[in-house]
C-alpha cells in the first residue's frame, strides 16, 4: 500500500469517526433538547394547573365571600323588619287604655317580692297611669314593703324597673319584648319570611 493510500484510509477513517462523533453529539444534543422541551412542557402544564387551581380557589373564595355578604345583608334586613315588628308591638302595648296597661304591669309586677319595699321607676307618662296600681298594691303590703313610684332618669318606652336596696328587677317594655323576641324570633321569621330565598 502506498503512502497516499494509507493517508486516504486514515483520513477516511478519521472522517468516519468524526462523522460518528458529530452524529453522536447531535443525537445527545437532540435528546437533551427534547428532554428540556419535555421538562418545560411539564413545568408549564404544572404551573398552568396551579394557576387554574389558584384561580378556581380565588373564584370560590370570592363566591363564598359574596354569598356571606349577601346572607348578612338579608339577615340585617330581616332583623330590621323584626325590630320594626317588635317596636310596633311595644308602641301598641304602651298605647293600651290605662286600665288595660295597668293590668299588664300588675301581671309583670308579680315578679317583685311582696315583702320587699323599693322604688318603682317608670317613664313620665306612666307615672300618672301607674299611681292607682301602686296605691292598690301598697294597700296589701307592710309599711316596710311599700312601693314608691319614681320617674326614671333614663328614657324607657314603658314598663317599670323595681329597685330595692340590694337588687333590681327589670320589667321595662324593652327588656320584656327583647326576651319575647329572642324566644319567638325563629317562629316569627318562619311566618314573615316563609317565601324568602337565600344563596
N, C-alpha and C. Protein backbone atom coordinates (compact mmCIF):
# COMPACT_ATOMS: atom_id res chain seq x y z
N UNK A 1 0.81 -1.15 0.00
CA UNK A 1 0.00 0.00 0.00
C UNK A 1 0.88 1.25 0.00
N UNK A 2 0.43 2.16 -0.80
CA UNK A 2 1.25 3.35 -0.91
C UNK A 2 0.91 4.31 0.21
N UNK A 3 1.80 5.24 0.30
CA UNK A 3 1.65 6.25 1.34
C UNK A 3 0.36 7.05 1.10
N UNK A 4 0.07 7.31 -0.10
CA UNK A 4 -1.13 8.05 -0.47
C UNK A 4 -2.37 7.25 -0.06
N UNK A 5 -2.35 6.01 -0.30
CA UNK A 5 -3.49 5.17 0.05
C UNK A 5 -3.65 5.07 1.57
N UNK A 6 -2.51 5.00 2.24
CA UNK A 6 -2.57 4.94 3.71
C UNK A 6 -3.18 6.24 4.24
N UNK A 7 -2.67 7.35 3.66
CA UNK A 7 -3.18 8.66 4.07
C UNK A 7 -4.68 8.73 3.80
N UNK A 8 -5.13 8.28 2.66
CA UNK A 8 -6.55 8.31 2.30
C UNK A 8 -7.35 7.42 3.25
N UNK A 9 -6.84 6.28 3.60
CA UNK A 9 -7.52 5.36 4.51
C UNK A 9 -7.63 5.98 5.90
N UNK A 10 -6.54 6.63 6.35
CA UNK A 10 -6.55 7.26 7.69
C UNK A 10 -7.54 8.42 7.67
N UNK A 11 -7.51 9.21 6.61
CA UNK A 11 -8.43 10.35 6.50
C UNK A 11 -9.88 9.86 6.45
N UNK A 12 -10.09 8.79 5.67
CA UNK A 12 -11.46 8.25 5.56
C UNK A 12 -11.92 7.74 6.92
N UNK A 13 -11.00 7.05 7.59
CA UNK A 13 -11.35 6.54 8.91
C UNK A 13 -11.59 7.69 9.88
N UNK A 14 -10.76 8.73 9.82
CA UNK A 14 -10.91 9.90 10.69
C UNK A 14 -12.22 10.63 10.39
N UNK A 15 -12.53 10.73 9.07
CA UNK A 15 -13.79 11.37 8.69
C UNK A 15 -14.97 10.57 9.22
N UNK A 16 -14.89 9.28 9.06
CA UNK A 16 -15.98 8.42 9.52
C UNK A 16 -16.13 8.55 11.04
N UNK A 17 -15.00 8.57 11.74
CA UNK A 17 -15.04 8.69 13.20
C UNK A 17 -15.57 10.09 13.59
N UNK A 18 -15.14 11.12 12.86
CA UNK A 18 -15.60 12.49 13.13
C UNK A 18 -17.10 12.59 12.86
N UNK A 19 -17.53 11.96 11.76
CA UNK A 19 -18.95 11.99 11.44
C UNK A 19 -19.75 11.25 12.51
N UNK A 20 -19.21 10.11 12.97
CA UNK A 20 -19.88 9.34 14.02
C UNK A 20 -19.93 10.16 15.32
N UNK A 21 -18.82 10.81 15.64
CA UNK A 21 -18.75 11.64 16.85
C UNK A 21 -19.74 12.79 16.75
N UNK A 22 -19.77 13.40 15.56
CA UNK A 22 -20.71 14.51 15.33
C UNK A 22 -22.15 14.01 15.43
N UNK A 23 -22.41 12.86 14.84
CA UNK A 23 -23.76 12.28 14.87
C UNK A 23 -24.15 11.95 16.31
N UNK A 24 -23.18 11.38 17.07
CA UNK A 24 -23.45 11.07 18.49
C UNK A 24 -23.70 12.36 19.28
N UNK A 25 -22.90 13.37 18.99
CA UNK A 25 -23.06 14.66 19.69
C UNK A 25 -24.42 15.27 19.34
N UNK A 26 -24.80 15.22 18.05
CA UNK A 26 -26.11 15.76 17.65
C UNK A 26 -27.23 14.97 18.30
N UNK A 27 -27.09 13.65 18.34
CA UNK A 27 -28.11 12.82 18.95
C UNK A 27 -28.25 13.16 20.44
N UNK A 28 -27.10 13.28 21.14
CA UNK A 28 -27.15 13.64 22.56
C UNK A 28 -27.75 15.04 22.74
N UNK A 29 -27.35 15.96 21.84
CA UNK A 29 -27.89 17.32 21.89
C UNK A 29 -29.41 17.30 21.67
N UNK A 30 -29.85 16.54 20.66
CA UNK A 30 -31.28 16.43 20.38
C UNK A 30 -32.02 15.80 21.56
N UNK A 31 -31.40 14.77 22.16
CA UNK A 31 -32.04 14.13 23.31
C UNK A 31 -32.16 15.11 24.48
N UNK A 32 -31.07 15.86 24.74
CA UNK A 32 -31.11 16.87 25.80
C UNK A 32 -32.13 17.96 25.49
N UNK A 33 -32.14 18.38 24.25
CA UNK A 33 -33.10 19.40 23.81
C UNK A 33 -34.53 18.88 23.98
N UNK A 34 -34.74 17.64 23.54
CA UNK A 34 -36.07 17.03 23.68
C UNK A 34 -36.45 16.89 25.16
N UNK A 35 -35.47 16.48 26.00
CA UNK A 35 -35.73 16.34 27.43
C UNK A 35 -36.04 17.72 28.04
N UNK A 36 -35.28 18.75 27.60
CA UNK A 36 -35.52 20.10 28.09
C UNK A 36 -36.89 20.59 27.66
N UNK A 37 -37.25 20.33 26.40
CA UNK A 37 -38.58 20.71 25.91
C UNK A 37 -39.67 20.01 26.73
N UNK A 38 -39.49 18.71 26.95
CA UNK A 38 -40.46 17.94 27.72
C UNK A 38 -40.57 18.49 29.14
N UNK A 39 -39.41 18.79 29.75
CA UNK A 39 -39.40 19.34 31.11
C UNK A 39 -40.12 20.69 31.14
N UNK A 40 -39.87 21.52 30.11
CA UNK A 40 -40.55 22.81 30.02
C UNK A 40 -42.05 22.63 29.85
N UNK A 41 -42.45 21.67 28.99
CA UNK A 41 -43.87 21.41 28.80
C UNK A 41 -44.51 20.97 30.12
N UNK A 42 -43.83 20.05 30.81
CA UNK A 42 -44.37 19.55 32.08
C UNK A 42 -44.44 20.67 33.11
N UNK A 43 -43.38 21.49 33.17
CA UNK A 43 -43.37 22.62 34.11
C UNK A 43 -44.48 23.61 33.75
N UNK A 44 -44.63 23.88 32.46
CA UNK A 44 -45.70 24.78 32.01
C UNK A 44 -47.06 24.22 32.38
N UNK A 45 -47.26 22.93 32.11
CA UNK A 45 -48.53 22.29 32.44
C UNK A 45 -48.78 22.33 33.95
N UNK A 46 -47.72 22.09 34.72
CA UNK A 46 -47.85 22.11 36.18
C UNK A 46 -48.22 23.51 36.66
N UNK A 47 -47.51 24.52 36.14
CA UNK A 47 -47.80 25.90 36.55
C UNK A 47 -49.19 26.34 36.07
N UNK A 48 -49.54 25.92 34.87
CA UNK A 48 -50.87 26.25 34.36
C UNK A 48 -51.94 25.63 35.24
N UNK A 49 -51.73 24.37 35.64
CA UNK A 49 -52.67 23.69 36.52
C UNK A 49 -52.74 24.40 37.87
N UNK A 50 -51.57 24.79 38.41
CA UNK A 50 -51.56 25.52 39.68
C UNK A 50 -52.29 26.86 39.54
N UNK A 51 -52.04 27.54 38.42
CA UNK A 51 -52.71 28.82 38.18
C UNK A 51 -54.22 28.63 38.09
N UNK A 52 -54.64 27.56 37.38
CA UNK A 52 -56.07 27.28 37.27
C UNK A 52 -56.67 27.00 38.64
N UNK A 53 -55.96 26.14 39.41
CA UNK A 53 -56.46 25.81 40.75
C UNK A 53 -56.51 27.07 41.62
N UNK A 54 -55.46 27.90 41.52
CA UNK A 54 -55.45 29.15 42.29
C UNK A 54 -56.60 30.05 41.88
N UNK A 55 -56.83 30.15 40.57
CA UNK A 55 -57.94 30.99 40.08
C UNK A 55 -59.28 30.43 40.54
N UNK A 56 -59.42 29.09 40.50
CA UNK A 56 -60.67 28.47 40.96
C UNK A 56 -60.87 28.71 42.45
N UNK A 57 -59.78 28.58 43.22
CA UNK A 57 -59.88 28.82 44.66
C UNK A 57 -60.22 30.27 44.94
N UNK A 58 -59.56 31.19 44.21
CA UNK A 58 -59.88 32.61 44.37
C UNK A 58 -61.33 32.87 44.01
N UNK A 59 -61.78 32.26 42.91
CA UNK A 59 -63.16 32.42 42.48
C UNK A 59 -64.11 31.86 43.54
N UNK A 60 -63.78 30.67 44.06
CA UNK A 60 -64.61 30.06 45.10
C UNK A 60 -64.66 30.95 46.34
N UNK A 61 -63.49 31.51 46.72
CA UNK A 61 -63.45 32.40 47.88
C UNK A 61 -64.30 33.64 47.64
N UNK A 62 -64.20 34.19 46.44
CA UNK A 62 -65.00 35.38 46.12
C UNK A 62 -66.49 35.05 46.15
N UNK A 63 -66.85 33.89 45.60
CA UNK A 63 -68.26 33.49 45.61
C UNK A 63 -68.73 33.31 47.05
N UNK A 64 -67.90 32.63 47.86
CA UNK A 64 -68.29 32.41 49.26
C UNK A 64 -68.37 33.75 50.01
N UNK A 65 -67.43 34.67 49.74
CA UNK A 65 -67.45 35.98 50.39
C UNK A 65 -68.71 36.74 49.98
N UNK A 66 -69.00 36.72 48.68
CA UNK A 66 -70.20 37.43 48.20
C UNK A 66 -71.47 36.79 48.75
N UNK A 67 -71.47 35.47 48.84
CA UNK A 67 -72.63 34.77 49.40
C UNK A 67 -72.80 35.16 50.87
N UNK A 68 -71.68 35.20 51.59
CA UNK A 68 -71.74 35.58 53.00
C UNK A 68 -72.22 37.02 53.14
N UNK A 69 -71.71 37.92 52.29
CA UNK A 69 -72.15 39.32 52.33
C UNK A 69 -73.64 39.42 52.02
N UNK A 70 -74.08 38.66 51.03
CA UNK A 70 -75.50 38.66 50.66
C UNK A 70 -76.35 38.17 51.83
N UNK A 71 -75.93 37.05 52.43
CA UNK A 71 -76.69 36.49 53.54
C UNK A 71 -76.69 37.42 54.75
N UNK A 72 -75.55 38.11 54.99
CA UNK A 72 -75.50 39.08 56.08
C UNK A 72 -76.43 40.25 55.79
N UNK A 73 -76.48 40.67 54.54
CA UNK A 73 -77.39 41.76 54.16
C UNK A 73 -78.85 41.32 54.38
N UNK A 74 -79.16 40.09 53.96
CA UNK A 74 -80.51 39.57 54.20
C UNK A 74 -80.82 39.51 55.70
N UNK A 75 -79.84 39.06 56.47
CA UNK A 75 -80.04 38.96 57.91
C UNK A 75 -80.27 40.34 58.53
N UNK A 76 -79.49 41.34 58.08
CA UNK A 76 -79.69 42.70 58.58
C UNK A 76 -81.09 43.21 58.22
N UNK A 77 -81.52 42.93 56.98
CA UNK A 77 -82.85 43.35 56.56
C UNK A 77 -83.94 42.65 57.37
N UNK A 78 -83.74 41.36 57.57
CA UNK A 78 -84.72 40.60 58.37
C UNK A 78 -84.78 41.14 59.80
N UNK A 79 -83.60 41.39 60.37
CA UNK A 79 -83.57 41.91 61.74
C UNK A 79 -84.22 43.29 61.81
N UNK A 80 -84.00 44.11 60.79
CA UNK A 80 -84.64 45.43 60.76
C UNK A 80 -86.16 45.28 60.72
N UNK A 81 -86.64 44.34 59.93
CA UNK A 81 -88.09 44.09 59.86
C UNK A 81 -88.61 43.58 61.20
N UNK A 82 -87.87 42.63 61.79
CA UNK A 82 -88.28 42.12 63.11
C UNK A 82 -88.24 43.22 64.16
N UNK A 83 -87.20 44.07 64.09
CA UNK A 83 -87.13 45.21 65.03
C UNK A 83 -88.38 46.07 64.89
N UNK A 84 -88.74 46.35 63.65
CA UNK A 84 -89.92 47.20 63.42
C UNK A 84 -91.19 46.52 63.93
N UNK A 85 -91.30 45.21 63.71
CA UNK A 85 -92.47 44.48 64.22
C UNK A 85 -92.57 44.58 65.74
N UNK A 86 -91.44 44.33 66.41
CA UNK A 86 -91.47 44.34 67.87
C UNK A 86 -91.57 45.77 68.41
N UNK A 87 -91.01 46.74 67.70
CA UNK A 87 -91.18 48.14 68.11
C UNK A 87 -92.65 48.55 68.00
N UNK A 88 -93.29 48.09 66.93
CA UNK A 88 -94.72 48.38 66.77
C UNK A 88 -95.53 47.72 67.89
N UNK A 89 -95.15 46.50 68.24
CA UNK A 89 -95.84 45.81 69.35
C UNK A 89 -95.65 46.59 70.65
N UNK A 90 -94.43 47.11 70.86
CA UNK A 90 -94.17 47.90 72.06
C UNK A 90 -94.99 49.18 72.07
N UNK A 91 -95.08 49.84 70.91
CA UNK A 91 -95.88 51.07 70.82
C UNK A 91 -97.36 50.77 71.12
N UNK A 92 -97.84 49.68 70.56
CA UNK A 92 -99.25 49.33 70.81
C UNK A 92 -99.49 48.99 72.28
N UNK A 93 -98.53 48.30 72.86
CA UNK A 93 -98.65 47.97 74.28
C UNK A 93 -98.63 49.24 75.13
N UNK A 94 -97.74 50.16 74.79
CA UNK A 94 -97.66 51.42 75.53
C UNK A 94 -98.92 52.26 75.35
N UNK A 95 -99.59 52.09 74.22
CA UNK A 95 -100.78 52.89 73.93
C UNK A 95 -102.08 52.22 74.37
N UNK A 96 -101.98 51.13 75.11
CA UNK A 96 -103.20 50.49 75.63
C UNK A 96 -103.96 51.48 76.51
N UNK A 97 -105.26 51.31 76.61
CA UNK A 97 -106.01 52.14 77.57
C UNK A 97 -105.42 51.93 78.97
N UNK A 98 -105.51 52.97 79.80
CA UNK A 98 -104.85 52.96 81.11
C UNK A 98 -105.18 51.72 81.93
N UNK A 99 -106.43 51.33 81.98
CA UNK A 99 -106.82 50.18 82.79
C UNK A 99 -106.17 48.89 82.28
N UNK A 100 -106.16 48.69 80.97
CA UNK A 100 -105.53 47.51 80.39
C UNK A 100 -104.01 47.53 80.62
N UNK A 101 -103.44 48.71 80.48
CA UNK A 101 -101.99 48.85 80.68
C UNK A 101 -101.62 48.52 82.12
N UNK A 102 -102.41 49.03 83.07
CA UNK A 102 -102.15 48.73 84.48
C UNK A 102 -102.26 47.23 84.75
N UNK A 103 -103.20 46.56 84.09
CA UNK A 103 -103.36 45.11 84.28
C UNK A 103 -102.10 44.37 83.79
N UNK A 104 -101.55 44.81 82.67
CA UNK A 104 -100.32 44.18 82.16
C UNK A 104 -99.18 44.39 83.14
N UNK A 105 -99.00 45.63 83.60
CA UNK A 105 -97.91 45.95 84.53
C UNK A 105 -98.10 45.21 85.85
N UNK A 106 -99.34 45.11 86.31
CA UNK A 106 -99.61 44.37 87.56
C UNK A 106 -99.20 42.91 87.40
N UNK A 107 -99.51 42.34 86.25
CA UNK A 107 -99.09 40.96 86.00
C UNK A 107 -97.56 40.84 86.02
N UNK A 108 -96.89 41.77 85.38
CA UNK A 108 -95.42 41.74 85.37
C UNK A 108 -94.86 41.89 86.78
N UNK A 109 -95.54 42.72 87.59
CA UNK A 109 -95.02 43.00 88.94
C UNK A 109 -95.18 41.82 89.89
N UNK A 110 -95.80 40.76 89.44
CA UNK A 110 -95.85 39.55 90.27
C UNK A 110 -94.44 39.02 90.53
N UNK A 111 -93.48 39.44 89.72
CA UNK A 111 -92.08 39.03 89.91
C UNK A 111 -91.40 39.83 91.02
N UNK A 112 -92.03 40.92 91.47
CA UNK A 112 -91.47 41.73 92.55
C UNK A 112 -91.84 41.07 93.88
N UNK A 113 -90.84 40.79 94.73
CA UNK A 113 -91.14 40.15 96.02
C UNK A 113 -92.09 41.01 96.86
N UNK A 114 -93.09 40.35 97.46
CA UNK A 114 -94.12 41.06 98.23
C UNK A 114 -93.63 41.64 99.53
N UNK A 115 -92.60 41.06 100.12
CA UNK A 115 -92.12 41.53 101.43
C UNK A 115 -90.99 42.53 101.34
N UNK A 116 -90.70 43.03 100.15
CA UNK A 116 -89.58 43.96 99.98
C UNK A 116 -90.10 45.27 99.41
N UNK A 117 -89.72 46.35 100.02
CA UNK A 117 -90.10 47.67 99.52
C UNK A 117 -89.03 48.21 98.59
N UNK A 118 -89.40 49.25 97.87
CA UNK A 118 -88.42 49.87 96.99
C UNK A 118 -89.06 50.84 96.04
N UNK A 119 -88.26 51.29 95.10
CA UNK A 119 -88.72 52.25 94.11
C UNK A 119 -89.23 51.53 92.87
N UNK A 120 -90.30 52.07 92.32
CA UNK A 120 -90.83 51.59 91.05
C UNK A 120 -90.56 52.71 90.06
N UNK A 121 -89.55 52.53 89.24
CA UNK A 121 -89.15 53.57 88.29
C UNK A 121 -89.92 53.38 86.99
N UNK A 122 -90.41 54.48 86.44
CA UNK A 122 -91.18 54.42 85.20
C UNK A 122 -90.95 55.71 84.41
N UNK A 123 -91.51 55.76 83.20
CA UNK A 123 -91.37 56.98 82.40
C UNK A 123 -92.39 58.01 82.86
N UNK A 124 -92.31 59.21 82.31
CA UNK A 124 -93.17 60.32 82.74
C UNK A 124 -94.65 60.01 82.49
N UNK A 125 -94.94 59.45 81.34
CA UNK A 125 -96.34 59.14 81.00
C UNK A 125 -96.93 58.13 81.99
N UNK A 126 -96.13 57.10 82.32
CA UNK A 126 -96.64 56.04 83.20
C UNK A 126 -96.73 56.46 84.66
N UNK A 127 -96.08 57.55 85.01
CA UNK A 127 -96.12 58.00 86.41
C UNK A 127 -97.57 58.21 86.86
N UNK A 128 -98.37 58.85 86.02
CA UNK A 128 -99.79 59.09 86.35
C UNK A 128 -100.62 57.82 86.15
N UNK A 129 -100.30 57.07 85.11
CA UNK A 129 -101.08 55.85 84.80
C UNK A 129 -100.93 54.79 85.87
N UNK A 130 -99.73 54.70 86.45
CA UNK A 130 -99.46 53.61 87.40
C UNK A 130 -99.73 53.97 88.85
N UNK A 131 -99.98 55.25 89.15
CA UNK A 131 -100.23 55.66 90.54
C UNK A 131 -101.37 54.86 91.17
N UNK A 132 -102.52 54.66 90.48
CA UNK A 132 -103.60 53.85 91.09
C UNK A 132 -103.17 52.39 91.36
N UNK A 133 -102.33 51.84 90.50
CA UNK A 133 -101.86 50.46 90.68
C UNK A 133 -101.00 50.37 91.94
N UNK A 134 -100.08 51.31 92.12
CA UNK A 134 -99.23 51.27 93.31
C UNK A 134 -100.04 51.48 94.59
N UNK A 135 -101.03 52.33 94.50
CA UNK A 135 -101.91 52.54 95.65
C UNK A 135 -102.59 51.22 96.02
N UNK A 136 -103.08 50.52 95.03
CA UNK A 136 -103.75 49.23 95.23
C UNK A 136 -102.78 48.20 95.82
N UNK A 137 -101.56 48.12 95.26
CA UNK A 137 -100.58 47.15 95.74
C UNK A 137 -100.11 47.48 97.15
N UNK A 138 -99.88 48.76 97.43
CA UNK A 138 -99.40 49.16 98.75
C UNK A 138 -100.43 48.90 99.84
N UNK A 139 -101.71 48.85 99.47
CA UNK A 139 -102.77 48.60 100.46
C UNK A 139 -102.60 47.23 101.11
N UNK A 140 -102.01 46.29 100.39
CA UNK A 140 -101.85 44.94 100.94
C UNK A 140 -100.40 44.66 101.39
N UNK A 141 -99.56 45.67 101.43
CA UNK A 141 -98.16 45.49 101.83
C UNK A 141 -97.90 46.08 103.21
N UNK A 142 -96.92 45.51 103.88
CA UNK A 142 -96.49 46.02 105.18
C UNK A 142 -95.81 47.38 104.98
N UNK A 143 -95.73 48.19 106.01
CA UNK A 143 -95.11 49.52 105.88
C UNK A 143 -93.67 49.46 105.34
N UNK A 144 -92.91 48.46 105.76
CA UNK A 144 -91.50 48.37 105.30
C UNK A 144 -91.41 47.83 103.87
N UNK A 145 -92.52 47.36 103.31
CA UNK A 145 -92.52 46.79 101.95
C UNK A 145 -93.28 47.68 100.98
N UNK A 146 -93.44 48.94 101.30
CA UNK A 146 -94.18 49.86 100.44
C UNK A 146 -93.39 50.15 99.16
N UNK A 147 -94.13 50.44 98.13
CA UNK A 147 -93.55 50.77 96.82
C UNK A 147 -93.69 52.27 96.59
N UNK A 148 -92.62 52.89 96.07
CA UNK A 148 -92.64 54.33 95.78
C UNK A 148 -92.47 54.52 94.28
N UNK A 149 -93.39 55.22 93.69
CA UNK A 149 -93.35 55.49 92.25
C UNK A 149 -92.40 56.66 91.99
N UNK A 150 -91.41 56.43 91.14
CA UNK A 150 -90.38 57.44 90.85
C UNK A 150 -90.18 57.51 89.34
N UNK A 151 -90.02 58.70 88.82
CA UNK A 151 -89.75 58.85 87.39
C UNK A 151 -88.29 58.44 87.12
N UNK A 152 -88.13 57.57 86.15
CA UNK A 152 -86.79 57.07 85.78
C UNK A 152 -86.01 58.19 85.10
N UNK A 153 -84.74 58.31 85.45
CA UNK A 153 -83.91 59.37 84.85
C UNK A 153 -83.53 59.06 83.40
N UNK A 154 -83.59 57.80 83.03
CA UNK A 154 -83.27 57.40 81.65
C UNK A 154 -84.57 57.13 80.90
N UNK A 155 -84.57 57.38 79.59
CA UNK A 155 -85.81 57.15 78.83
C UNK A 155 -86.12 55.65 78.70
N UNK A 156 -87.36 55.30 78.99
CA UNK A 156 -87.84 53.94 78.75
C UNK A 156 -89.20 54.06 78.06
N UNK A 157 -89.49 53.11 77.21
CA UNK A 157 -90.74 53.15 76.46
C UNK A 157 -91.94 52.90 77.36
N UNK A 158 -91.78 51.99 78.28
CA UNK A 158 -92.86 51.66 79.19
C UNK A 158 -92.41 50.57 80.13
N UNK A 159 -93.34 50.14 80.98
CA UNK A 159 -92.98 49.15 81.97
C UNK A 159 -92.30 49.82 83.15
N UNK A 160 -91.68 49.00 83.99
CA UNK A 160 -91.05 49.55 85.20
C UNK A 160 -89.70 48.90 85.45
N UNK A 161 -88.99 49.53 86.35
CA UNK A 161 -87.77 48.96 86.91
C UNK A 161 -87.95 49.01 88.41
N UNK A 162 -87.99 47.86 89.06
CA UNK A 162 -88.12 47.82 90.51
C UNK A 162 -86.73 47.83 91.10
N UNK A 163 -86.48 48.78 91.99
CA UNK A 163 -85.15 48.91 92.59
C UNK A 163 -85.30 48.82 94.11
N UNK A 164 -84.79 47.75 94.69
CA UNK A 164 -84.75 47.58 96.14
C UNK A 164 -83.35 47.96 96.61
N UNK A 165 -83.11 47.83 97.90
CA UNK A 165 -81.80 48.20 98.43
C UNK A 165 -80.69 47.31 97.87
N UNK A 166 -80.98 46.02 97.67
CA UNK A 166 -79.92 45.08 97.28
C UNK A 166 -80.07 44.48 95.88
N UNK A 167 -81.15 44.77 95.20
CA UNK A 167 -81.34 44.17 93.87
C UNK A 167 -82.30 44.99 93.05
N UNK A 168 -82.34 44.65 91.76
CA UNK A 168 -83.27 45.29 90.83
C UNK A 168 -84.00 44.20 90.06
N UNK A 169 -85.22 44.50 89.67
CA UNK A 169 -85.99 43.63 88.80
C UNK A 169 -86.37 44.48 87.59
N UNK A 170 -85.83 44.10 86.44
CA UNK A 170 -86.06 44.89 85.22
C UNK A 170 -87.31 44.37 84.54
N UNK A 171 -88.34 45.20 84.53
CA UNK A 171 -89.61 44.86 83.91
C UNK A 171 -90.00 45.93 82.90
N UNK A 172 -88.98 46.50 82.27
CA UNK A 172 -89.27 47.52 81.25
C UNK A 172 -89.81 46.84 80.00
N UNK A 173 -90.53 47.60 79.23
CA UNK A 173 -91.10 47.06 78.00
C UNK A 173 -89.99 46.56 77.07
N UNK A 174 -88.92 47.34 77.02
CA UNK A 174 -87.81 46.97 76.14
C UNK A 174 -87.23 45.61 76.53
N UNK A 175 -87.01 45.42 77.84
CA UNK A 175 -86.44 44.15 78.31
C UNK A 175 -87.40 42.99 78.11
N UNK A 176 -88.67 43.22 78.41
CA UNK A 176 -89.66 42.14 78.25
C UNK A 176 -89.80 41.74 76.78
N UNK A 177 -89.88 42.74 75.89
CA UNK A 177 -90.03 42.43 74.47
C UNK A 177 -88.77 41.80 73.89
N UNK A 178 -87.61 42.16 74.44
CA UNK A 178 -86.37 41.53 73.97
C UNK A 178 -86.39 40.03 74.29
N UNK A 179 -86.85 39.68 75.48
CA UNK A 179 -86.97 38.26 75.84
C UNK A 179 -87.96 37.54 74.93
N UNK A 180 -89.09 38.20 74.70
CA UNK A 180 -90.12 37.62 73.82
C UNK A 180 -89.55 37.47 72.42
N UNK A 181 -88.85 38.48 71.97
CA UNK A 181 -88.27 38.43 70.62
C UNK A 181 -87.30 37.26 70.49
N UNK A 182 -86.41 37.11 71.46
CA UNK A 182 -85.45 36.01 71.43
C UNK A 182 -86.15 34.66 71.39
N UNK A 183 -87.23 34.56 72.15
CA UNK A 183 -87.95 33.29 72.20
C UNK A 183 -88.75 33.03 70.93
N UNK A 184 -89.34 34.09 70.37
CA UNK A 184 -90.23 33.92 69.23
C UNK A 184 -89.60 34.21 67.87
N UNK A 185 -88.39 34.74 67.85
CA UNK A 185 -87.78 35.14 66.57
C UNK A 185 -87.80 34.03 65.53
N UNK A 186 -87.44 32.78 65.86
CA UNK A 186 -87.48 31.75 64.82
C UNK A 186 -88.89 31.53 64.25
N UNK A 187 -89.90 31.52 65.13
CA UNK A 187 -91.27 31.32 64.66
C UNK A 187 -91.76 32.51 63.83
N UNK A 188 -91.48 33.72 64.32
CA UNK A 188 -91.90 34.92 63.59
C UNK A 188 -91.20 34.97 62.24
N UNK A 189 -89.90 34.66 62.23
CA UNK A 189 -89.15 34.65 60.96
C UNK A 189 -89.75 33.64 59.99
N UNK A 190 -90.13 32.49 60.50
CA UNK A 190 -90.69 31.46 59.62
C UNK A 190 -91.99 31.94 58.99
N UNK A 191 -92.79 32.67 59.76
CA UNK A 191 -94.06 33.18 59.23
C UNK A 191 -93.83 34.35 58.28
N UNK A 192 -93.01 35.31 58.72
CA UNK A 192 -92.81 36.55 57.95
C UNK A 192 -91.98 36.29 56.69
N UNK A 193 -90.98 35.43 56.81
CA UNK A 193 -90.04 35.23 55.70
C UNK A 193 -90.17 33.85 55.06
N UNK A 194 -91.34 33.27 55.09
CA UNK A 194 -91.51 31.89 54.61
C UNK A 194 -91.14 31.72 53.14
N UNK A 195 -91.32 32.74 52.32
CA UNK A 195 -91.02 32.62 50.90
C UNK A 195 -89.65 33.12 50.53
N UNK A 196 -88.86 33.56 51.51
CA UNK A 196 -87.55 34.11 51.20
C UNK A 196 -86.62 33.06 50.65
N UNK A 197 -85.76 33.51 49.78
CA UNK A 197 -84.74 32.63 49.20
C UNK A 197 -83.39 33.24 49.52
N UNK A 198 -82.47 32.41 49.98
CA UNK A 198 -81.11 32.89 50.19
C UNK A 198 -80.18 32.06 49.34
N UNK A 199 -78.97 32.53 49.22
CA UNK A 199 -77.96 31.79 48.40
C UNK A 199 -77.48 30.58 49.13
